[in-house]
Amino acid sequence: QLVESGGGLVQPGGSLRLSCAASGFTFSRYGMSWYRQAPG
């Protein structure tokens, strides 16, 4: 299970910190990645 959080509406130049809480596997043994998908 992977659960992302931390998104929102922000002005240009601003900052955000996204989190992804993982469970169901030995987290420390594996790489992880972030992807994004914009409309279209």
Full PDB file with SEQRES, HELIX, SHEET, SSBOND, CRYST1, ORIGX, SCALE, CONECT and MASTER records, all heavy atoms in Angstrom:
SEQRES   1 A   40  GLN LEU VAL GLU SER GLY GLY GLY LEU VAL GLN PRO GLY          
SEQRES   2 A   40  GLY SER LEU ARG LEU SER CYS ALA ALA SER GLY PHE THR          
SEQRES   3 A   40  PHE SER ARG TYR GLY MET SER TRP TYR ARG GLN ALA PRO          
SEQRES   4 A   40  GLY                                                          
HELIX    1 AA1 PHE A   27  ARG A   29  5                                   3    
SHEET    1 AA1 2 LEU A   2  SER A   5  0                                        
SHEET    2 AA1 2 SER A  19  ALA A  22 -1                                        
CRYST1    1.000    1.000    1.000  90.00  90.00  90.00 P 1           1          
ORIGX1      1.000000  0.000000  0.000000        0.00000                         
ORIGX2      0.000000  1.000000  0.000000        0.00000                         
ORIGX3      0.000000  0.000000  1.000000        0.00000                         
SCALE1      1.000000  0.000000  0.000000        0.00000                         
SCALE2      0.000000  1.000000  0.000000        0.00000                         
SCALE3      0.000000  0.000000  1.000000        0.00000                         
ATOM      1  N   GLN A   1       0.852  -1.189   0.000  1.00  0.00           N  
ATOM      2  CA  GLN A   1       0.000   0.000   0.000  1.00  0.00           C  
ATOM      3  C   GLN A   1       0.886   1.236   0.000  1.00  0.00           C  
ATOM      4  O   GLN A   1       1.851   1.321   0.760  1.00  0.00           O  
ATOM      5  CB  GLN A   1      -0.924   0.023   1.212  1.00  0.00           C  
ATOM      6  CG  GLN A   1      -1.932   1.160   1.181  1.00  0.00           C  
ATOM      7  CD  GLN A   1      -2.946   1.089   2.309  1.00  0.00           C  
ATOM      8  OE1 GLN A   1      -2.744   0.407   3.302  1.00  0.00           O  
ATOM      9  NE2 GLN A   1      -4.056   1.800   2.153  1.00  0.00           N  
ATOM     10  N   LEU A   2       0.547   2.150  -0.874  1.00  0.00           N  
ATOM     11  CA  LEU A   2       1.256   3.424  -0.981  1.00  0.00           C  
ATOM     12  C   LEU A   2       0.230   4.541  -0.873  1.00  0.00           C  
ATOM     13  O   LEU A   2      -0.748   4.556  -1.626  1.00  0.00           O  
ATOM     14  CB  LEU A   2       1.998   3.520  -2.315  1.00  0.00           C  
ATOM     15  CG  LEU A   2       3.013   2.421  -2.612  1.00  0.00           C  
ATOM     16  CD1 LEU A   2       3.507   2.521  -4.049  1.00  0.00           C  
ATOM     17  CD2 LEU A   2       4.176   2.485  -1.640  1.00  0.00           C  
ATOM     18  N   VAL A   3       0.457   5.470   0.031  1.00  0.00           N  
ATOM     19  CA  VAL A   3      -0.501   6.556   0.252  1.00  0.00           C  
ATOM     20  C   VAL A   3       0.235   7.888   0.187  1.00  0.00           C  
ATOM     21  O   VAL A   3       1.051   8.197   1.055  1.00  0.00           O  
ATOM     22  CB  VAL A   3      -1.218   6.410   1.598  1.00  0.00           C  
ATOM     23  CG1 VAL A   3      -2.208   7.552   1.781  1.00  0.00           C  
ATOM     24  CG2 VAL A   3      -1.939   5.067   1.698  1.00  0.00           C  
ATOM     25  N   GLU A   4      -0.081   8.660  -0.862  1.00  0.00           N  
ATOM     26  CA  GLU A   4       0.534   9.971  -1.030  1.00  0.00           C  
ATOM     27  C   GLU A   4      -0.273  11.041  -0.302  1.00  0.00           C  
ATOM     28  O   GLU A   4      -1.495  10.923  -0.164  1.00  0.00           O  
ATOM     29  CB  GLU A   4       0.624  10.353  -2.517  1.00  0.00           C  
ATOM     30  CG  GLU A   4       1.411   9.406  -3.388  1.00  0.00           C  
ATOM     31  CD  GLU A   4       0.543   8.388  -4.079  1.00  0.00           C  
ATOM     32  OE1 GLU A   4      -0.574   8.119  -3.574  1.00  0.00           O  
ATOM     33  OE2 GLU A   4       0.950   7.851  -5.137  1.00  0.00           O  
ATOM     34  N   SER A   5       0.431  12.082   0.102  1.00  0.00           N  
ATOM     35  CA  SER A   5      -0.222  13.231   0.722  1.00  0.00           C  
ATOM     36  C   SER A   5       0.670  14.456   0.537  1.00  0.00           C  
ATOM     37  O   SER A   5       1.822  14.333   0.119  1.00  0.00           O  
ATOM     38  CB  SER A   5      -0.475  12.979   2.211  1.00  0.00           C  
ATOM     39  OG  SER A   5       0.748  12.767   2.890  1.00  0.00           O  
ATOM     40  N   GLY A   6       0.109  15.620   0.851  1.00  0.00           N  
ATOM     41  CA  GLY A   6       0.895  16.843   0.830  1.00  0.00           C  
ATOM     42  C   GLY A   6       0.657  17.756  -0.352  1.00  0.00           C  
ATOM     43  O   GLY A   6       1.210  18.849  -0.406  1.00  0.00           O  
ATOM     44  N   GLY A   7      -0.151  17.322  -1.310  1.00  0.00           N  
ATOM     45  CA  GLY A   7      -0.432  18.175  -2.449  1.00  0.00           C  
ATOM     46  C   GLY A   7      -1.339  19.332  -2.073  1.00  0.00           C  
ATOM     47  O   GLY A   7      -1.832  19.424  -0.943  1.00  0.00           O  
ATOM     48  N   GLY A   8      -1.533  20.223  -3.033  1.00  0.00           N  
ATOM     49  CA  GLY A   8      -2.411  21.355  -2.785  1.00  0.00           C  
ATOM     50  C   GLY A   8      -2.266  22.410  -3.852  1.00  0.00           C  
ATOM     51  O   GLY A   8      -1.607  22.203  -4.873  1.00  0.00           O  
ATOM     52  N   LEU A   9      -2.892  23.547  -3.579  1.00  0.00           N  
ATOM     53  CA  LEU A   9      -2.816  24.707  -4.470  1.00  0.00           C  
ATOM     54  C   LEU A   9      -1.741  25.647  -3.943  1.00  0.00           C  
ATOM     55  O   LEU A   9      -1.782  26.040  -2.761  1.00  0.00           O  
ATOM     56  CB  LEU A   9      -4.161  25.412  -4.528  1.00  0.00           C  
ATOM     57  CG  LEU A   9      -4.231  26.742  -5.278  1.00  0.00           C  
ATOM     58  CD1 LEU A   9      -3.912  26.547  -6.757  1.00  0.00           C  
ATOM     59  CD2 LEU A   9      -5.610  27.372  -5.100  1.00  0.00           C  
ATOM     60  N   VAL A  10      -0.815  26.021  -4.797  1.00  0.00           N  
ATOM     61  CA  VAL A  10       0.283  26.875  -4.368  1.00  0.00           C  
ATOM     62  C   VAL A  10       0.581  27.887  -5.470  1.00  0.00           C  
ATOM     63  O   VAL A  10       0.383  27.596  -6.657  1.00  0.00           O  
ATOM     64  CB  VAL A  10       1.523  26.023  -4.020  1.00  0.00           C  
ATOM     65  CG1 VAL A  10       2.038  25.283  -5.231  1.00  0.00           C  
ATOM     66  CG2 VAL A  10       2.608  26.851  -3.380  1.00  0.00           C  
ATOM     67  N   GLN A  11       1.054  29.042  -5.074  1.00  0.00           N  
ATOM     68  CA  GLN A  11       1.406  30.072  -6.045  1.00  0.00           C  
ATOM     69  C   GLN A  11       2.761  29.763  -6.691  1.00  0.00           C  
ATOM     70  O   GLN A  11       3.595  29.078  -6.085  1.00  0.00           O  
ATOM     71  CB  GLN A  11       1.458  31.436  -5.363  1.00  0.00           C  
ATOM     72  CG  GLN A  11       0.107  31.928  -4.889  1.00  0.00           C  
ATOM     73  CD  GLN A  11       0.176  33.338  -4.337  1.00  0.00           C  
ATOM     74  OE1 GLN A  11       1.243  33.844  -4.015  1.00  0.00           O  
ATOM     75  NE2 GLN A  11      -0.980  33.989  -4.248  1.00  0.00           N  
ATOM     76  N   PRO A  12       2.973  30.263  -7.886  1.00  0.00           N  
ATOM     77  CA  PRO A  12       4.304  30.089  -8.511  1.00  0.00           C  
ATOM     78  C   PRO A  12       5.403  30.597  -7.589  1.00  0.00           C  
ATOM     79  O   PRO A  12       5.265  31.640  -6.942  1.00  0.00           O  
ATOM     80  CB  PRO A  12       4.190  30.946  -9.776  1.00  0.00           C  
ATOM     81  CG  PRO A  12       2.743  30.936 -10.107  1.00  0.00           C  
ATOM     82  CD  PRO A  12       2.025  30.955  -8.770  1.00  0.00           C  
ATOM     83  N   GLY A  13       6.485  29.828  -7.537  1.00  0.00           N  
ATOM     84  CA  GLY A  13       7.587  30.163  -6.651  1.00  0.00           C  
ATOM     85  C   GLY A  13       7.479  29.541  -5.281  1.00  0.00           C  
ATOM     86  O   GLY A  13       8.437  29.585  -4.498  1.00  0.00           O  
ATOM     87  N   GLY A  14       6.339  28.961  -4.983  1.00  0.00           N  
ATOM     88  CA  GLY A  14       6.123  28.348  -3.674  1.00  0.00           C  
ATOM     89  C   GLY A  14       6.737  26.962  -3.561  1.00  0.00           C  
ATOM     90  O   GLY A  14       7.399  26.471  -4.485  1.00  0.00           O  
ATOM     91  N   SER A  15       6.495  26.343  -2.416  1.00  0.00           N  
ATOM     92  CA  SER A  15       7.066  25.031  -2.130  1.00  0.00           C  
ATOM     93  C   SER A  15       6.000  24.100  -1.563  1.00  0.00           C  
ATOM     94  O   SER A  15       5.012  24.549  -0.962  1.00  0.00           O  
ATOM     95  CB  SER A  15       8.199  25.157  -1.111  1.00  0.00           C  
ATOM     96  OG  SER A  15       9.266  25.931  -1.601  1.00  0.00           O  
ATOM     97  N   LEU A  16       6.229  22.828  -1.767  1.00  0.00           N  
ATOM     98  CA  LEU A  16       5.410  21.784  -1.165  1.00  0.00           C  
ATOM     99  C   LEU A  16       6.305  20.617  -0.798  1.00  0.00           C  
ATOM    100  O   LEU A  16       7.351  20.395  -1.429  1.00  0.00           O  
ATOM    101  CB  LEU A  16       4.337  21.279  -2.135  1.00  0.00           C  
ATOM    102  CG  LEU A  16       3.101  22.130  -2.383  1.00  0.00           C  
ATOM    103  CD1 LEU A  16       2.263  21.514  -3.497  1.00  0.00           C  
ATOM    104  CD2 LEU A  16       2.267  22.268  -1.117  1.00  0.00           C  
ATOM    105  N   ARG A  17       5.867  19.857   0.200  1.00  0.00           N  
ATOM    106  CA  ARG A  17       6.546  18.621   0.543  1.00  0.00           C  
ATOM    107  C   ARG A  17       5.545  17.482   0.445  1.00  0.00           C  
ATOM    108  O   ARG A  17       4.585  17.434   1.229  1.00  0.00           O  
ATOM    109  CB  ARG A  17       7.129  18.668   1.943  1.00  0.00           C  
ATOM    110  CG  ARG A  17       8.025  17.467   2.277  1.00  0.00           C  
ATOM    111  CD  ARG A  17       8.280  17.398   3.757  1.00  0.00           C  
ATOM    112  NE  ARG A  17       9.394  16.529   4.100  1.00  0.00           N  
ATOM    113  CZ  ARG A  17       9.560  15.994   5.304  1.00  0.00           C  
ATOM    114  NH1 ARG A  17       8.689  16.231   6.256  1.00  0.00           N  
ATOM    115  NH2 ARG A  17      10.603  15.220   5.550  1.00  0.00           N  
ATOM    116  N   LEU A  18       5.766  16.620  -0.519  1.00  0.00           N  
ATOM    117  CA  LEU A  18       4.897  15.468  -0.696  1.00  0.00           C  
ATOM    118  C   LEU A  18       5.439  14.291   0.104  1.00  0.00           C  
ATOM    119  O   LEU A  18       6.658  14.126   0.240  1.00  0.00           O  
ATOM    120  CB  LEU A  18       4.813  15.086  -2.173  1.00  0.00           C  
ATOM    121  CG  LEU A  18       4.446  16.197  -3.152  1.00  0.00           C  
ATOM    122  CD1 LEU A  18       4.316  15.628  -4.553  1.00  0.00           C  
ATOM    123  CD2 LEU A  18       3.192  16.919  -2.732  1.00  0.00           C  
ATOM    124  N   SER A  19       4.538  13.472   0.610  1.00  0.00           N  
ATOM    125  CA  SER A  19       4.907  12.272   1.357  1.00  0.00           C  
ATOM    126  C   SER A  19       4.236  11.066   0.736  1.00  0.00           C  
ATOM    127  O   SER A  19       3.127  11.165   0.199  1.00  0.00           O  
ATOM    128  CB  SER A  19       4.478  12.385   2.823  1.00  0.00           C  
ATOM    129  OG  SER A  19       5.078  13.485   3.466  1.00  0.00           O  
ATOM    130  N   CYS A  20       4.910   9.941   0.840  1.00  0.00           N  
ATOM    131  CA  CYS A  20       4.328   8.668   0.402  1.00  0.00           C  
ATOM    132  C   CYS A  20       4.614   7.650   1.492  1.00  0.00           C  
ATOM    133  O   CYS A  20       5.768   7.250   1.692  1.00  0.00           O  
ATOM    134  CB  CYS A  20       4.921   8.221  -0.921  1.00  0.00           C  
ATOM    135  SG  CYS A  20       4.439   6.558  -1.426  1.00  0.00           S  
ATOM    136  N   ALA A  21       3.567   7.263   2.205  1.00  0.00           N  
ATOM    137  CA  ALA A  21       3.689   6.277   3.271  1.00  0.00           C  
ATOM    138  C   ALA A  21       3.504   4.883   2.682  1.00  0.00           C  
ATOM    139  O   ALA A  21       2.501   4.620   2.014  1.00  0.00           O  
ATOM    140  CB  ALA A  21       2.657   6.544   4.351  1.00  0.00           C  
ATOM    141  N   ALA A  22       4.473   4.024   2.925  1.00  0.00           N  
ATOM    142  CA  ALA A  22       4.478   2.686   2.326  1.00  0.00           C  
ATOM    143  C   ALA A  22       4.271   1.613   3.388  1.00  0.00           C  
ATOM    144  O   ALA A  22       4.715   1.766   4.536  1.00  0.00           O  
ATOM    145  CB  ALA A  22       5.804   2.455   1.606  1.00  0.00           C  
ATOM    146  N   SER A  23       3.620   0.550   2.992  1.00  0.00           N  
ATOM    147  CA  SER A  23       3.435  -0.591   3.879  1.00  0.00           C  
ATOM    148  C   SER A  23       3.273  -1.857   3.047  1.00  0.00           C  
ATOM    149  O   SER A  23       3.009  -1.802   1.849  1.00  0.00           O  
ATOM    150  CB  SER A  23       2.212  -0.383   4.784  1.00  0.00           C  
ATOM    151  OG  SER A  23       1.042  -0.247   4.010  1.00  0.00           O  
ATOM    152  N   GLY A  24       3.470  -2.996   3.703  1.00  0.00           N  
ATOM    153  CA  GLY A  24       3.261  -4.268   3.030  1.00  0.00           C  
ATOM    154  C   GLY A  24       4.513  -4.889   2.429  1.00  0.00           C  
ATOM    155  O   GLY A  24       4.430  -5.947   1.798  1.00  0.00           O  
ATOM    156  N   PHE A  25       5.641  -4.233   2.601  1.00  0.00           N  
ATOM    157  CA  PHE A  25       6.909  -4.782   2.119  1.00  0.00           C  
ATOM    158  C   PHE A  25       8.031  -4.190   2.967  1.00  0.00           C  
ATOM    159  O   PHE A  25       7.819  -3.253   3.734  1.00  0.00           O  
ATOM    160  CB  PHE A  25       7.116  -4.480   0.634  1.00  0.00           C  
ATOM    161  CG  PHE A  25       7.222  -3.012   0.294  1.00  0.00           C  
ATOM    162  CD1 PHE A  25       8.449  -2.414   0.077  1.00  0.00           C  
ATOM    163  CD2 PHE A  25       6.074  -2.227   0.179  1.00  0.00           C  
ATOM    164  CE1 PHE A  25       8.545  -1.073  -0.237  1.00  0.00           C  
ATOM    165  CE2 PHE A  25       6.158  -0.888  -0.134  1.00  0.00           C  
ATOM    166  CZ  PHE A  25       7.403  -0.299  -0.341  1.00  0.00           C  
ATOM    167  N   THR A  26       9.228  -4.760   2.825  1.00  0.00           N  
ATOM    168  CA  THR A  26      10.374  -4.281   3.600  1.00  0.00           C  
ATOM    169  C   THR A  26      10.928  -3.042   2.911  1.00  0.00           C  
ATOM    170  O   THR A  26      11.768  -3.115   2.013  1.00  0.00           O  
ATOM    171  CB  THR A  26      11.443  -5.373   3.721  1.00  0.00           C  
ATOM    172  OG1 THR A  26      10.851  -6.564   4.240  1.00  0.00           O  
ATOM    173  CG2 THR A  26      12.562  -4.910   4.664  1.00  0.00           C  
ATOM    174  N   PHE A  27      10.450  -1.909   3.349  1.00  0.00           N  
ATOM    175  CA  PHE A  27      10.692  -0.628   2.688  1.00  0.00           C  
ATOM    176  C   PHE A  27      12.178  -0.355   2.479  1.00  0.00           C  
ATOM    177  O   PHE A  27      12.587   0.078   1.403  1.00  0.00           O  
ATOM    178  CB  PHE A  27      10.063   0.482   3.528  1.00  0.00           C  
ATOM    179  CG  PHE A  27      10.230   1.858   2.975  1.00  0.00           C  
ATOM    180  CD1 PHE A  27       9.424   2.316   1.939  1.00  0.00           C  
ATOM    181  CD2 PHE A  27      11.186   2.719   3.503  1.00  0.00           C  
ATOM    182  CE1 PHE A  27       9.568   3.603   1.441  1.00  0.00           C  
ATOM    183  CE2 PHE A  27      11.341   4.002   3.012  1.00  0.00           C  
ATOM    184  CZ  PHE A  27      10.531   4.445   1.976  1.00  0.00           C  
ATOM    185  N   SER A  28      12.982  -0.612   3.477  1.00  0.00           N  
ATOM    186  CA  SER A  28      14.392  -0.227   3.423  1.00  0.00           C  
ATOM    187  C   SER A  28      15.169  -0.959   2.333  1.00  0.00           C  
ATOM    188  O   SER A  28      16.257  -0.531   1.950  1.00  0.00           O  
ATOM    189  CB  SER A  28      15.050  -0.448   4.778  1.00  0.00           C  
ATOM    190  OG  SER A  28      14.986  -1.820   5.134  1.00  0.00           O  
ATOM    191  N   ARG A  29      14.652  -2.049   1.840  1.00  0.00           N  
ATOM    192  CA  ARG A  29      15.366  -2.867   0.861  1.00  0.00           C  
ATOM    193  C   ARG A  29      15.141  -2.436  -0.582  1.00  0.00           C  
ATOM    194  O   ARG A  29      15.784  -2.965  -1.492  1.00  0.00           O  
ATOM    195  CB  ARG A  29      14.967  -4.324   1.005  1.00  0.00           C  
ATOM    196  CG  ARG A  29      15.394  -4.964   2.307  1.00  0.00           C  
ATOM    197  CD  ARG A  29      15.025  -6.434   2.335  1.00  0.00           C  
ATOM    198  NE  ARG A  29      15.427  -7.077   3.590  1.00  0.00           N  
ATOM    199  CZ  ARG A  29      15.182  -8.344   3.884  1.00  0.00           C  
ATOM    200  NH1 ARG A  29      14.544  -9.121   3.009  1.00  0.00           N  
ATOM    201  NH2 ARG A  29      15.561  -8.846   5.031  1.00  0.00           N  
ATOM    202  N   TYR A  30      14.237  -1.490  -0.799  1.00  0.00           N  
ATOM    203  CA  TYR A  30      13.843  -1.184  -2.171  1.00  0.00           C  
ATOM    204  C   TYR A  30      13.958   0.303  -2.499  1.00  0.00           C  
ATOM    205  O   TYR A  30      13.763   1.168  -1.633  1.00  0.00           O  
ATOM    206  CB  TYR A  30      12.395  -1.610  -2.411  1.00  0.00           C  
ATOM    207  CG  TYR A  30      12.200  -3.092  -2.345  1.00  0.00           C  
ATOM    208  CD1 TYR A  30      11.858  -3.714  -1.154  1.00  0.00           C  
ATOM    209  CD2 TYR A  30      12.368  -3.888  -3.485  1.00  0.00           C  
ATOM    210  CE1 TYR A  30      11.688  -5.089  -1.093  1.00  0.00           C  
ATOM    211  CE2 TYR A  30      12.198  -5.256  -3.426  1.00  0.00           C  
ATOM    212  CZ  TYR A  30      11.861  -5.843  -2.222  1.00  0.00           C  
ATOM    213  OH  TYR A  30      11.695  -7.203  -2.167  1.00  0.00           O  
ATOM    214  N   GLY A  31      14.253   0.548  -3.772  1.00  0.00           N  
ATOM    215  CA  GLY A  31      14.173   1.908  -4.265  1.00  0.00           C  
ATOM    216  C   GLY A  31      12.725   2.342  -4.403  1.00  0.00           C  
ATOM    217  O   GLY A  31      11.812   1.514  -4.451  1.00  0.00           O  
ATOM    218  N   MET A  32      12.536   3.645  -4.443  1.00  0.00           N  
ATOM    219  CA  MET A  32      11.208   4.222  -4.605  1.00  0.00           C  
ATOM    220  C   MET A  32      11.301   5.354  -5.626  1.00  0.00           C  
ATOM    221  O   MET A  32      12.364   5.932  -5.836  1.00  0.00           O  
ATOM    222  CB  MET A  32      10.682   4.774  -3.279  1.00  0.00           C  
ATOM    223  CG  MET A  32      10.485   3.736  -2.187  1.00  0.00           C  
ATOM    224  SD  MET A  32       9.118   2.623  -2.522  1.00  0.00           S  
ATOM    225  CE  MET A  32       7.720   3.751  -2.457  1.00  0.00           C  
ATOM    226  N   SER A  33      10.183   5.670  -6.233  1.00  0.00           N  
ATOM    227  CA  SER A  33      10.211   6.729  -7.226  1.00  0.00           C  
ATOM    228  C   SER A  33       8.934   7.570  -7.179  1.00  0.00           C  
ATOM    229  O   SER A  33       7.908   7.118  -6.670  1.00  0.00           O  
ATOM    230  CB  SER A  33      10.405   6.155  -8.632  1.00  0.00           C  
ATOM    231  OG  SER A  33       9.474   5.135  -8.895  1.00  0.00           O  
ATOM    232  N   TRP A  34       9.066   8.781  -7.696  1.00  0.00           N  
ATOM    233  CA  TRP A  34       7.940   9.698  -7.846  1.00  0.00           C  
ATOM    234  C   TRP A  34       7.721   9.958  -9.333  1.00  0.00           C  
ATOM    235  O   TRP A  34       8.680  10.220 -10.072  1.00  0.00           O  
ATOM    236  CB  TRP A  34       8.211  11.024  -7.151  1.00  0.00           C  
ATOM    237  CG  TRP A  34       8.055  11.008  -5.672  1.00  0.00           C  
ATOM    238  CD1 TRP A  34       9.037  10.859  -4.725  1.00  0.00           C  
ATOM    239  CD2 TRP A  34       6.832  11.186  -4.940  1.00  0.00           C  
ATOM    240  NE1 TRP A  34       8.505  10.915  -3.472  1.00  0.00           N  
ATOM    241  CE2 TRP A  34       7.143  11.118  -3.565  1.00  0.00           C  
ATOM    242  CE3 TRP A  34       5.499  11.381  -5.310  1.00  0.00           C  
ATOM    243  CZ2 TRP A  34       6.179  11.255  -2.564  1.00  0.00           C  
ATOM    244  CZ3 TRP A  34       4.535  11.522  -4.318  1.00  0.00           C  
ATOM    245  CH2 TRP A  34       4.886  11.456  -2.960  1.00  0.00           C  
ATOM    246  N   TYR A  35       6.473   9.896  -9.732  1.00  0.00           N  
ATOM    247  CA  TYR A  35       6.059  10.225 -11.081  1.00  0.00           C  
ATOM    248  C   TYR A  35       5.015  11.341 -11.010  1.00  0.00           C  
ATOM    249  O   TYR A  35       4.441  11.598  -9.956  1.00  0.00           O  
ATOM    250  CB  TYR A  35       5.411   9.017 -11.767  1.00  0.00           C  
ATOM    251  CG  TYR A  35       6.348   7.939 -12.228  1.00  0.00           C  
ATOM    252  CD1 TYR A  35       7.023   7.136 -11.318  1.00  0.00           C  
ATOM    253  CD2 TYR A  35       6.560   7.713 -13.580  1.00  0.00           C  
ATOM    254  CE1 TYR A  35       7.881   6.130 -11.747  1.00  0.00           C  
ATOM    255  CE2 TYR A  35       7.410   6.713 -14.028  1.00  0.00           C  
ATOM    256  CZ  TYR A  35       8.057   5.925 -13.106  1.00  0.00           C  
ATOM    257  OH  TYR A  35       8.910   4.936 -13.541  1.00  0.00           O  
ATOM    258  N   ARG A  36       4.765  11.943 -12.145  1.00  0.00           N  
ATOM    259  CA  ARG A  36       3.663  12.892 -12.227  1.00  0.00           C  
ATOM    260  C   ARG A  36       2.963  12.762 -13.571  1.00  0.00           C  
ATOM    261  O   ARG A  36       3.567  12.334 -14.550  1.00  0.00           O  
ATOM    262  CB  ARG A  36       4.141  14.326 -12.017  1.00  0.00           C  
ATOM    263  CG  ARG A  36       5.027  14.870 -13.131  1.00  0.00           C  
ATOM    264  CD  ARG A  36       5.506  16.281 -12.783  1.00  0.00           C  
ATOM    265  NE  ARG A  36       6.383  16.829 -13.818  1.00  0.00           N  
ATOM    266  CZ  ARG A  36       7.030  17.976 -13.708  1.00  0.00           C  
ATOM    267  NH1 ARG A  36       6.913  18.706 -12.587  1.00  0.00           N  
ATOM    268  NH2 ARG A  36       7.796  18.409 -14.686  1.00  0.00           N  
ATOM    269  N   GLN A  37       1.702  13.138 -13.569  1.00  0.00           N  
ATOM    270  CA  GLN A  37       0.923  13.120 -14.800  1.00  0.00           C  
ATOM    271  C   GLN A  37       0.095  14.388 -14.878  1.00  0.00           C  
ATOM    272  O   GLN A  37      -0.787  14.615 -14.043  1.00  0.00           O  
ATOM    273  CB  GLN A  37       0.021  11.891 -14.864  1.00  0.00           C  
ATOM    274  CG  GLN A  37      -0.683  11.724 -16.198  1.00  0.00           C  
ATOM    275  CD  GLN A  37      -1.282  10.347 -16.369  1.00  0.00           C  
ATOM    276  OE1 GLN A  37      -1.528   9.628 -15.390  1.00  0.00           O  
ATOM    277  NE2 GLN A  37      -1.520   9.955 -17.605  1.00  0.00           N  
ATOM    278  N   ALA A  38       0.421  15.181 -15.877  1.00  0.00           N  
ATOM    279  CA  ALA A  38      -0.321  16.409 -16.120  1.00  0.00           C  
ATOM    280  C   ALA A  38      -1.502  16.110 -17.043  1.00  0.00           C  
ATOM    281  O   ALA A  38      -1.481  15.115 -17.788  1.00  0.00           O  
ATOM    282  CB  ALA A  38       0.587  17.449 -16.764  1.00  0.00           C  
ATOM    283  N   PRO A  39      -2.537  16.944 -17.023  1.00  0.00           N  
ATOM    284  CA  PRO A  39      -3.695  16.710 -17.885  1.00  0.00           C  
ATOM    285  C   PRO A  39      -3.301  16.570 -19.353  1.00  0.00           C  
ATOM    286  O   PRO A  39      -2.560  17.400 -19.879  1.00  0.00           O  
ATOM    287  CB  PRO A  39      -4.553  17.959 -17.659  1.00  0.00           C  
ATOM    288  CG  PRO A  39      -4.164  18.436 -16.307  1.00  0.00           C  
ATOM    289  CD  PRO A  39      -2.700  18.127 -16.171  1.00  0.00           C  
ATOM    290  N   GLY A  40      -3.749  15.507 -19.983  1.00  0.00           N  
ATOM    291  CA  GLY A  40      -3.480  15.290 -21.392  1.00  0.00           C  
ATOM    292  C   GLY A  40      -2.087  14.808 -21.719  1.00  0.00           C  
ATOM    293  O   GLY A  40      -1.719  14.715 -22.901  1.00  0.00           O  
TER     294      GLY A  40                                                      
MASTER        0    0    0    1    2    0    0    6  293    1    0    4          
END                                                                             
